């Protein structure tokens, strides 16, 4: 409970009552007496500052009111750390020169950047290792072709989230590579959790402490950070045995099926190791003993969107249209795997009103009408909405 700080008037009144109660010859405590003025302006003021300091220090000992480093210390008492910044990630397309006569190799660690603007430096991203190749490089197989390689922002945080087309160039030239760009937004970047977000994270941590429970598995999966600093699981949901037959990929019966949406470099096998406890970083495992669980990739469901917008004449219609397409793509990509949240609420469903709200926040959009879909769309457990054909046309410029 927070320590209450008395007012200066209350402090002075307590001193006066204490002095009078001891039979002191000091008796002139009228509001204009020198003694009263001395108590108020010197003693009362100093004691008020002391009380305020004590109250401030007192608040830092409680999780609900602690801030900054003090909150980090309180969290550490429970073995919990403030969620740190997460780097944005995605894919970029490397295109080869037309006259390339040999395969072009893009090594892991290759850096690409956005176009710098006045007052802000360019953002840089590094190509992550290709798990399909021993040396981690990416390969453009023949002249004129292109390949999408996974990249991650060099600096973690929300600033790394950029729209499609933001990647402008290579940091250093690579023989045979003509150009590089991102056809899709780079997303997933998050800033270090604020004090309020850290406390909410701790609350969720406490709620998920029943080892092996559905909530514990989801909590740990969604907050696991691998050795490269990435969170390999974007979203997940669980289907539990309830009389129905649940089978893993090999046809063996299981009690849980854990559907995951992974980043490009993560594998189902690695997540299965986390769940089973065969991963060296999480030897205890996530599932309860005697509860077999199978990790499977979420079933991706292509989702097409068709819309028309009216644009404010003060804006360039084509620019607004392109921005709206990026917003729709990002909205669909953010939707988690269909299932149930830790709170018990459904997740992964398409809510038209939320997409309308996102589009209407784009500068220059006066109104938007969706021809497809026209209503909310429900998706079953284990399915993941995959942005399909996104078509936005300009109805009018008003």
Protein backbone atom coordinates (compact mmCIF):
# COMPACT_ATOMS: atom_id res chain seq x y z
CA UNK A 1 0.00 0.00 0.00
CA UNK A 2 1.50 3.42 -0.94
CA UNK A 3 2.85 5.57 1.88
CA UNK A 4 0.62 8.61 2.41
CA UNK A 5 2.39 11.98 2.40
CA UNK A 6 0.83 14.47 4.88
CA UNK A 7 0.37 18.10 3.89
CA UNK A 8 2.57 20.80 5.38
CA UNK A 9 -0.41 22.06 7.39
CA UNK A 10 -0.92 18.62 8.90
CA UNK A 11 2.77 18.39 9.80
CA UNK A 12 2.74 21.76 11.57
CA UNK A 13 -0.48 20.94 13.47
CA UNK A 14 1.05 17.71 14.75
CA UNK A 15 4.14 19.58 15.99
CA UNK A 16 1.97 22.18 17.74
CA UNK A 17 -0.15 19.51 19.45
CA UNK A 18 2.97 17.62 20.51
CA UNK A 19 4.58 20.74 22.01
CA UNK A 20 1.40 21.80 23.84
CA UNK A 21 0.90 18.26 25.12
CA UNK A 22 4.28 18.31 26.83
CA UNK A 23 3.47 21.43 28.84
CA UNK A 24 6.07 23.55 27.05
CA UNK A 25 6.26 27.28 27.87
CA UNK A 26 6.04 27.87 24.11
CA UNK A 27 2.41 28.80 23.64
CA UNK A 28 2.14 31.49 20.97
CA UNK A 29 1.14 29.47 17.91
CA UNK A 30 -1.14 32.03 16.26
CA UNK A 31 -0.89 32.26 12.49
CA UNK A 32 1.09 35.54 12.67
CA UNK A 33 3.45 34.57 15.47
CA UNK A 34 7.16 34.20 14.75
CA UNK A 35 7.11 30.68 16.16
CA UNK A 36 4.30 29.60 13.84
CA UNK A 37 6.03 31.15 10.82
CA UNK A 38 9.27 29.39 11.76
CA UNK A 39 7.50 26.04 12.01
CA UNK A 40 5.73 26.45 8.67
CA UNK A 41 8.54 27.87 6.56
CA UNK A 42 11.46 25.87 7.90
CA UNK A 43 10.57 22.82 9.95
CA UNK A 44 7.33 22.03 8.12
CA UNK A 45 8.92 22.48 4.69
CA UNK A 46 11.87 20.22 5.47
CA UNK A 47 9.68 17.50 6.96
CA UNK A 48 7.37 17.68 3.94
CA UNK A 49 10.34 17.02 1.62
CA UNK A 50 11.43 14.16 3.84
CA UNK A 51 7.96 12.58 3.72
CA UNK A 52 7.80 13.03 -0.06
CA UNK A 53 11.18 11.33 -0.47
CA UNK A 54 10.17 8.45 1.76
CA UNK A 55 6.92 8.00 -0.17
CA UNK A 56 8.78 7.99 -3.50
CA UNK A 57 11.27 5.40 -2.23
CA UNK A 58 8.45 3.36 -0.72
CA UNK A 59 6.67 3.15 -4.11
CA UNK A 60 9.77 1.68 -5.73
CA UNK A 61 9.51 -1.43 -3.55
CA UNK A 62 6.18 -2.51 -5.03
CA UNK A 63 5.80 -4.07 -8.46
CA UNK A 64 2.60 -2.14 -9.10
CA UNK A 65 4.27 1.25 -8.57
CA UNK A 66 8.01 0.70 -9.24
CA UNK A 67 9.50 2.33 -12.33
CA UNK A 68 12.64 2.07 -14.45
CA UNK A 69 15.59 0.22 -12.93
CA UNK A 70 13.67 -0.34 -9.69
CA UNK A 71 10.96 -2.21 -11.59
CA UNK A 72 13.67 -4.31 -13.27
CA UNK A 73 15.01 -5.22 -9.82
CA UNK A 74 11.56 -6.23 -8.57
CA UNK A 75 11.03 -8.37 -11.69
CA UNK A 76 14.44 -9.98 -11.19
CA UNK A 77 13.31 -11.13 -7.73
CA UNK A 78 10.94 -13.47 -9.61
CA UNK A 79 13.45 -14.44 -12.29
CA UNK A 80 11.73 -12.27 -14.90
CA UNK A 81 13.32 -9.70 -17.21
CA UNK A 82 11.70 -6.76 -18.96
CA UNK A 83 10.93 -7.79 -22.59
CA UNK A 84 13.64 -6.22 -24.72
CA UNK A 85 13.48 -4.69 -28.16
CA UNK A 86 12.85 -7.07 -31.05
CA UNK A 87 14.34 -6.56 -34.51
CA UNK A 88 12.07 -6.30 -37.54
CA UNK A 89 12.44 -9.03 -40.14
CA UNK A 90 11.16 -10.12 -43.52
CA UNK A 91 12.45 -10.85 -47.00
CA UNK A 92 14.13 -8.83 -49.74
CA UNK A 93 14.45 -9.69 -53.42
CA UNK A 94 17.92 -9.75 -55.00
CA UNK A 95 17.83 -9.48 -58.80
CA UNK A 96 20.75 -10.59 -60.98
CA UNK A 97 22.19 -8.69 -63.91
CA UNK A 98 20.91 -9.88 -67.26
CA UNK A 99 24.37 -10.84 -68.56
CA UNK A 100 25.43 -12.86 -65.52
CA UNK A 101 27.06 -16.07 -66.74
CA UNK A 102 27.57 -17.81 -63.40
CA UNK A 103 25.35 -18.28 -60.35
CA UNK A 104 25.34 -15.26 -58.03
CA UNK A 105 26.03 -15.83 -54.34
CA UNK A 106 24.63 -13.52 -51.65
CA UNK A 107 26.55 -14.33 -48.45
CA UNK A 108 24.92 -14.35 -45.03
CA UNK A 109 25.61 -11.03 -43.35
CA UNK A 110 25.15 -9.00 -46.56
CA UNK A 111 23.70 -5.63 -45.57
CA UNK A 112 20.96 -3.70 -47.37
CA UNK A 113 19.57 -0.30 -46.50
CA UNK A 114 16.68 2.08 -46.91
CA UNK A 115 16.96 5.44 -48.62
CA UNK A 116 18.15 8.05 -46.08
CA UNK A 117 15.95 11.09 -45.57
CA UNK A 118 16.74 14.54 -44.20
CA UNK A 119 17.26 14.36 -40.46
CA UNK A 120 17.27 10.54 -40.29
CA UNK A 121 19.95 8.03 -41.31
CA UNK A 122 19.26 5.01 -43.46
CA UNK A 123 18.09 1.82 -41.73
CA UNK A 124 20.24 -1.24 -42.38
CA UNK A 125 19.29 -4.92 -42.46
CA UNK A 126 21.49 -8.02 -42.62
CA UNK A 127 20.84 -11.21 -44.58
CA UNK A 128 20.46 -14.14 -42.18
CA UNK A 129 21.99 -17.53 -42.88
CA UNK A 130 20.20 -19.78 -45.36
CA UNK A 131 19.50 -23.04 -43.49
CA UNK A 132 19.37 -24.90 -46.81
CA UNK A 133 23.06 -24.25 -47.49
CA UNK A 134 26.09 -25.31 -45.49
CA UNK A 135 27.82 -21.95 -45.89
CA UNK A 136 24.62 -20.03 -45.14
CA UNK A 137 24.68 -18.14 -48.45
CA UNK A 138 21.74 -17.50 -50.77
CA UNK A 139 22.05 -18.44 -54.45
CA UNK A 140 20.63 -16.83 -57.59
CA UNK A 141 20.60 -19.77 -59.95
CA UNK A 142 20.70 -18.17 -63.37
CA UNK A 143 20.95 -14.85 -65.16
CA UNK A 144 18.03 -12.48 -64.82
CA UNK A 145 16.39 -14.38 -62.00
CA UNK A 146 15.84 -13.25 -58.44
CA UNK A 147 15.67 -14.79 -55.02
CA UNK A 148 14.03 -13.75 -51.77
CA UNK A 149 16.44 -13.82 -48.84
CA UNK A 150 15.53 -13.38 -45.19
CA UNK A 151 16.82 -10.24 -43.47
CA UNK A 152 16.72 -8.84 -39.95
CA UNK A 153 17.16 -5.23 -38.85
CA UNK A 154 20.60 -4.42 -37.47
CA UNK A 155 19.04 -2.29 -34.74
CA UNK A 156 16.08 -3.78 -32.84
CA UNK A 157 12.93 -1.74 -32.32
CA UNK A 158 9.74 -0.59 -34.00
CA UNK A 159 11.70 1.84 -36.21
CA UNK A 160 12.77 -1.15 -38.31
CA UNK A 161 9.18 -1.76 -39.48
CA UNK A 162 9.07 -0.29 -42.98
CA UNK A 163 6.58 -0.57 -45.86
CA UNK A 164 7.08 -2.41 -49.13
CA UNK A 165 9.57 -0.70 -51.41
CA UNK A 166 11.56 0.89 -48.57
CA UNK A 167 14.75 -1.10 -49.19
CA UNK A 168 16.74 0.88 -51.73
CA UNK A 169 20.26 -0.49 -52.13
CA UNK A 170 23.12 -2.73 -51.03
CA UNK A 171 25.62 -1.37 -48.53
CA UNK A 172 28.41 -2.89 -50.64
CA UNK A 173 28.16 -4.07 -54.24
CA UNK A 174 27.98 -7.81 -55.00
CA UNK A 175 29.15 -9.06 -58.36
CA UNK A 176 26.20 -10.05 -60.50
CA UNK A 177 23.52 -8.37 -58.35
CA UNK A 178 21.69 -5.65 -60.21
CA UNK A 179 19.21 -4.46 -57.57
CA UNK A 180 17.57 -5.25 -54.26
CA UNK A 181 14.19 -4.32 -52.81
CA UNK A 182 11.44 -5.55 -50.53
CA UNK A 183 8.14 -6.50 -52.13
CA UNK A 184 6.50 -6.90 -48.72
CA UNK A 185 6.71 -4.81 -45.55
CA UNK A 186 9.41 -5.65 -43.02
CA UNK A 187 7.62 -6.11 -39.72
CA UNK A 188 7.73 -7.56 -36.22
CA UNK A 189 10.02 -4.93 -34.71
CA UNK A 190 9.15 -3.93 -31.15
CA UNK A 191 10.64 -1.39 -28.75
CA UNK A 192 11.75 -2.35 -25.25
CA UNK A 193 8.67 -2.77 -23.06
CA UNK A 194 7.54 0.30 -21.15
CA UNK A 195 6.97 0.10 -17.39
CA UNK A 196 3.25 -0.58 -17.86
CA UNK A 197 3.93 -3.19 -20.56
CA UNK A 198 6.55 -4.87 -18.35
CA UNK A 199 4.06 -5.10 -15.49
CA UNK A 200 1.41 -6.59 -17.83
CA UNK A 201 4.05 -9.08 -19.02
CA UNK A 202 4.75 -10.04 -15.39
CA UNK A 203 1.02 -10.47 -14.73
CA UNK A 204 0.77 -12.81 -17.72
CA UNK A 205 3.86 -14.64 -16.46
CA UNK A 206 2.20 -15.32 -13.11
CA UNK A 207 -1.00 -16.49 -14.80
CA UNK A 208 0.97 -19.01 -16.86
CA UNK A 209 3.02 -20.59 -14.11
CA UNK A 210 1.20 -23.91 -14.03
CA UNK A 211 3.94 -25.90 -15.73
CA UNK A 212 2.72 -27.83 -18.75
CA UNK A 213 -0.63 -26.07 -18.87
CA UNK A 214 -1.96 -24.69 -22.12
CA UNK A 215 -1.33 -21.12 -20.99
CA UNK A 216 2.23 -21.91 -19.84
CA UNK A 217 3.12 -23.49 -23.18
CA UNK A 218 1.71 -20.58 -25.18
CA UNK A 219 3.35 -17.99 -22.93
CA UNK A 220 6.80 -19.58 -23.14
CA UNK A 221 6.59 -20.22 -26.88
CA UNK A 222 5.54 -16.68 -27.70
CA UNK A 223 8.28 -15.17 -25.51
CA UNK A 224 11.14 -17.52 -26.34
CA UNK A 225 14.17 -15.78 -27.89
CA UNK A 226 16.71 -17.90 -29.75
CA UNK A 227 20.49 -17.48 -29.83
CA UNK A 228 20.30 -14.94 -32.67
CA UNK A 229 18.01 -12.66 -30.67
CA UNK A 230 14.89 -13.45 -32.68
CA UNK A 231 11.55 -14.73 -31.50
CA UNK A 232 11.07 -17.68 -33.87
CA UNK A 233 7.36 -18.14 -33.08
CA UNK A 234 5.22 -15.26 -34.30
CA UNK A 235 1.97 -16.74 -33.01
CA UNK A 236 0.61 -20.09 -31.84
CA UNK A 237 -2.53 -21.88 -30.78
CA UNK A 238 -3.25 -25.24 -29.17
CA UNK A 239 -5.79 -27.95 -29.93
CA UNK A 240 -6.35 -30.21 -26.91
CA UNK A 241 -7.51 -33.78 -26.76
CA UNK A 242 -11.18 -33.82 -25.88
CA UNK A 243 -12.40 -37.17 -27.05
CA UNK A 244 -11.42 -36.46 -30.66
CA UNK A 245 -8.43 -38.19 -32.24
CA UNK A 246 -5.31 -36.04 -32.47
CA UNK A 247 -2.39 -37.39 -34.48
CA UNK A 248 1.11 -36.10 -35.13
CA UNK A 249 2.75 -36.11 -38.58
CA UNK A 250 3.73 -39.75 -38.16
CA UNK A 251 0.19 -40.81 -37.23
CA UNK A 252 0.90 -41.27 -33.51
CA UNK A 253 -1.80 -40.15 -31.05
CA UNK A 254 -1.04 -37.00 -29.04
CA UNK A 255 -2.79 -35.00 -26.34
CA UNK A 256 -1.89 -31.60 -27.76
CA UNK A 257 -1.38 -30.20 -31.24
CA UNK A 258 0.51 -26.92 -31.18
CA UNK A 259 0.04 -24.89 -34.35
CA UNK A 260 2.76 -22.29 -34.97
CA UNK A 261 3.49 -19.47 -37.38
CA UNK A 262 7.28 -19.24 -37.61
CA UNK A 263 9.77 -16.67 -38.86
CA UNK A 264 11.51 -17.61 -42.10
CA UNK A 265 14.62 -19.12 -40.48
CA UNK A 266 12.89 -21.17 -37.77
CA UNK A 267 11.96 -24.84 -38.11
CA UNK A 268 9.18 -27.04 -36.75
CA UNK A 269 11.83 -29.44 -35.48
CA UNK A 270 13.47 -26.74 -33.32
CA UNK A 271 10.14 -25.76 -31.76
CA UNK A 272 9.31 -29.42 -31.12
CA UNK A 273 12.60 -29.68 -29.23
CA UNK A 274 11.59 -26.71 -27.06
CA UNK A 275 8.30 -28.39 -26.23
CA UNK A 276 9.83 -31.79 -25.53
CA UNK A 277 12.80 -30.49 -23.54
CA UNK A 278 15.48 -31.80 -25.89
CA UNK A 279 16.73 -28.28 -26.64
CA UNK A 280 19.88 -27.37 -24.69
CA UNK A 281 18.51 -23.95 -23.76
CA UNK A 282 15.28 -25.25 -22.23
CA UNK A 283 16.07 -28.67 -20.81
CA UNK A 284 12.93 -28.88 -18.69
CA UNK A 285 10.66 -28.74 -21.74
CA UNK A 286 7.31 -26.98 -21.99
CA UNK A 287 4.88 -29.89 -22.01
CA UNK A 288 3.95 -31.73 -18.85
CA UNK A 289 5.39 -35.21 -18.33
CA UNK A 290 3.22 -37.88 -19.89
CA UNK A 291 1.45 -35.43 -22.20
CA UNK A 292 2.66 -36.04 -25.76
CA UNK A 293 2.46 -32.94 -27.94
CA UNK A 294 3.04 -32.41 -31.65
CA UNK A 295 4.19 -29.13 -33.18
CA UNK A 296 2.80 -28.51 -36.66
CA UNK A 297 2.83 -25.60 -39.05
CA UNK A 298 -0.36 -23.59 -39.13
CA UNK A 299 -2.45 -24.14 -42.25
CA UNK A 300 -2.08 -20.96 -44.29
CA UNK A 301 -5.32 -19.78 -45.85
CA UNK A 302 -4.99 -17.32 -48.77
CA UNK A 303 -7.13 -14.26 -48.09
CA UNK A 304 -8.01 -11.87 -50.90
CA UNK A 305 -9.07 -8.28 -50.31
CA UNK A 306 -10.66 -5.92 -52.81
CA UNK A 307 -11.50 -2.33 -51.87
CA UNK A 308 -12.12 1.13 -53.33
CA UNK A 309 -11.16 4.41 -51.71
CA UNK A 310 -12.03 8.07 -52.10
CA UNK A 311 -8.94 10.27 -51.81
CA UNK A 312 -8.51 13.84 -50.61
CA UNK A 313 -7.35 15.96 -53.58
CA UNK A 314 -4.53 17.38 -51.42
CA UNK A 315 -2.81 13.97 -51.64
CA UNK A 316 -1.38 11.99 -54.55
CA UNK A 317 -3.94 9.29 -55.30
CA UNK A 318 -1.42 6.63 -56.38
CA UNK A 319 0.68 7.16 -53.24
CA UNK A 320 -2.38 6.83 -51.00
CA UNK A 321 -3.54 3.73 -52.86
CA UNK A 322 -0.12 2.08 -52.43
CA UNK A 323 -0.04 2.95 -48.72
CA UNK A 324 -3.51 1.44 -48.24
CA UNK A 325 -2.36 -1.81 -49.88
CA UNK A 326 0.62 -1.93 -47.50
CA UNK A 327 -1.67 -1.34 -44.50
CA UNK A 328 -4.03 -4.14 -45.58
CA UNK A 329 -1.10 -6.52 -46.11
CA UNK A 330 0.39 -5.68 -42.70
CA UNK A 331 -3.02 -6.05 -40.98
CA UNK A 332 -3.54 -9.54 -42.40
CA UNK A 333 0.06 -10.58 -41.71
CA UNK A 334 -0.31 -9.57 -38.04
CA UNK A 335 -3.32 -11.79 -37.45
CA UNK A 336 -2.25 -14.73 -35.27
CA UNK A 337 -2.93 -18.42 -35.76
CA UNK A 338 -6.60 -19.20 -35.22
CA UNK A 339 -7.42 -20.46 -31.75
CA UNK A 340 -7.88 -19.09 -28.24
CA UNK A 341 -5.78 -16.42 -26.51
CA UNK A 342 -4.33 -16.71 -23.01
CA UNK A 343 -7.24 -14.55 -21.88
CA UNK A 344 -9.74 -17.08 -23.29
CA UNK A 345 -10.81 -14.79 -26.14
CA UNK A 346 -10.79 -16.09 -29.73
CA UNK A 347 -7.82 -15.11 -31.89
CA UNK A 348 -6.95 -15.13 -35.56
CA UNK A 349 -10.39 -14.06 -36.74
CA UNK A 350 -10.82 -11.41 -39.43
CA UNK A 351 -12.80 -8.46 -38.06
CA UNK A 352 -13.77 -6.13 -40.90
CA UNK A 353 -14.29 -3.11 -38.66
CA UNK A 354 -10.69 -3.28 -37.43
CA UNK A 355 -9.33 -3.30 -40.99
CA UNK A 356 -11.61 -0.39 -41.90
CA UNK A 357 -10.21 1.54 -38.93
CA UNK A 358 -6.61 0.86 -40.01
CA UNK A 359 -7.29 1.98 -43.58
CA UNK A 360 -9.10 5.13 -42.49
CA UNK A 361 -6.00 6.11 -40.49
CA UNK A 362 -3.99 6.41 -43.74
CA UNK A 363 -3.51 10.13 -44.53
CA UNK A 364 -5.57 11.16 -47.55
CA UNK A 365 -8.26 8.47 -47.28
CA UNK A 366 -11.72 10.04 -47.12
CA UNK A 367 -13.69 6.76 -47.15
CA UNK A 368 -13.20 3.11 -47.98
CA UNK A 369 -15.57 0.45 -49.28
CA UNK A 370 -14.74 -3.25 -49.22
CA UNK A 371 -16.14 -5.43 -52.00
CA UNK A 372 -14.33 -8.47 -50.59
CA UNK A 373 -14.78 -9.46 -47.84
CA UNK A 374 -17.96 -7.67 -46.80
CA UNK A 375 -18.33 -9.27 -43.35
CA UNK A 376 -16.25 -10.75 -40.56
CA UNK A 377 -14.64 -14.11 -41.40
CA UNK A 378 -14.07 -16.87 -38.84
CA UNK A 379 -11.15 -19.27 -39.10
CA UNK A 380 -10.76 -22.57 -37.31
CA UNK A 381 -8.08 -23.55 -34.83
CA UNK A 382 -4.68 -23.99 -36.48
CA UNK A 383 -5.32 -21.84 -39.55
CA UNK A 384 -3.36 -18.69 -40.37
CA UNK A 385 -4.62 -15.97 -42.69
CA UNK A 386 -2.09 -15.47 -45.49
CA UNK A 387 -2.33 -12.20 -47.47
CA UNK A 388 -3.42 -13.14 -50.95
CA UNK A 389 -4.43 -10.85 -53.81
CA UNK A 390 -4.85 -7.32 -52.49
CA UNK A 391 -6.52 -4.94 -54.92
CA UNK A 392 -7.26 -1.30 -54.07
CA UNK A 393 -8.71 1.10 -56.62
CA UNK A 394 -9.37 4.82 -56.39
CA UNK A 395 -13.05 5.65 -56.82
CA UNK A 396 -12.72 9.42 -56.75
CA UNK A 397 -10.45 12.31 -55.79
CA UNK A 398 -12.53 14.82 -53.91
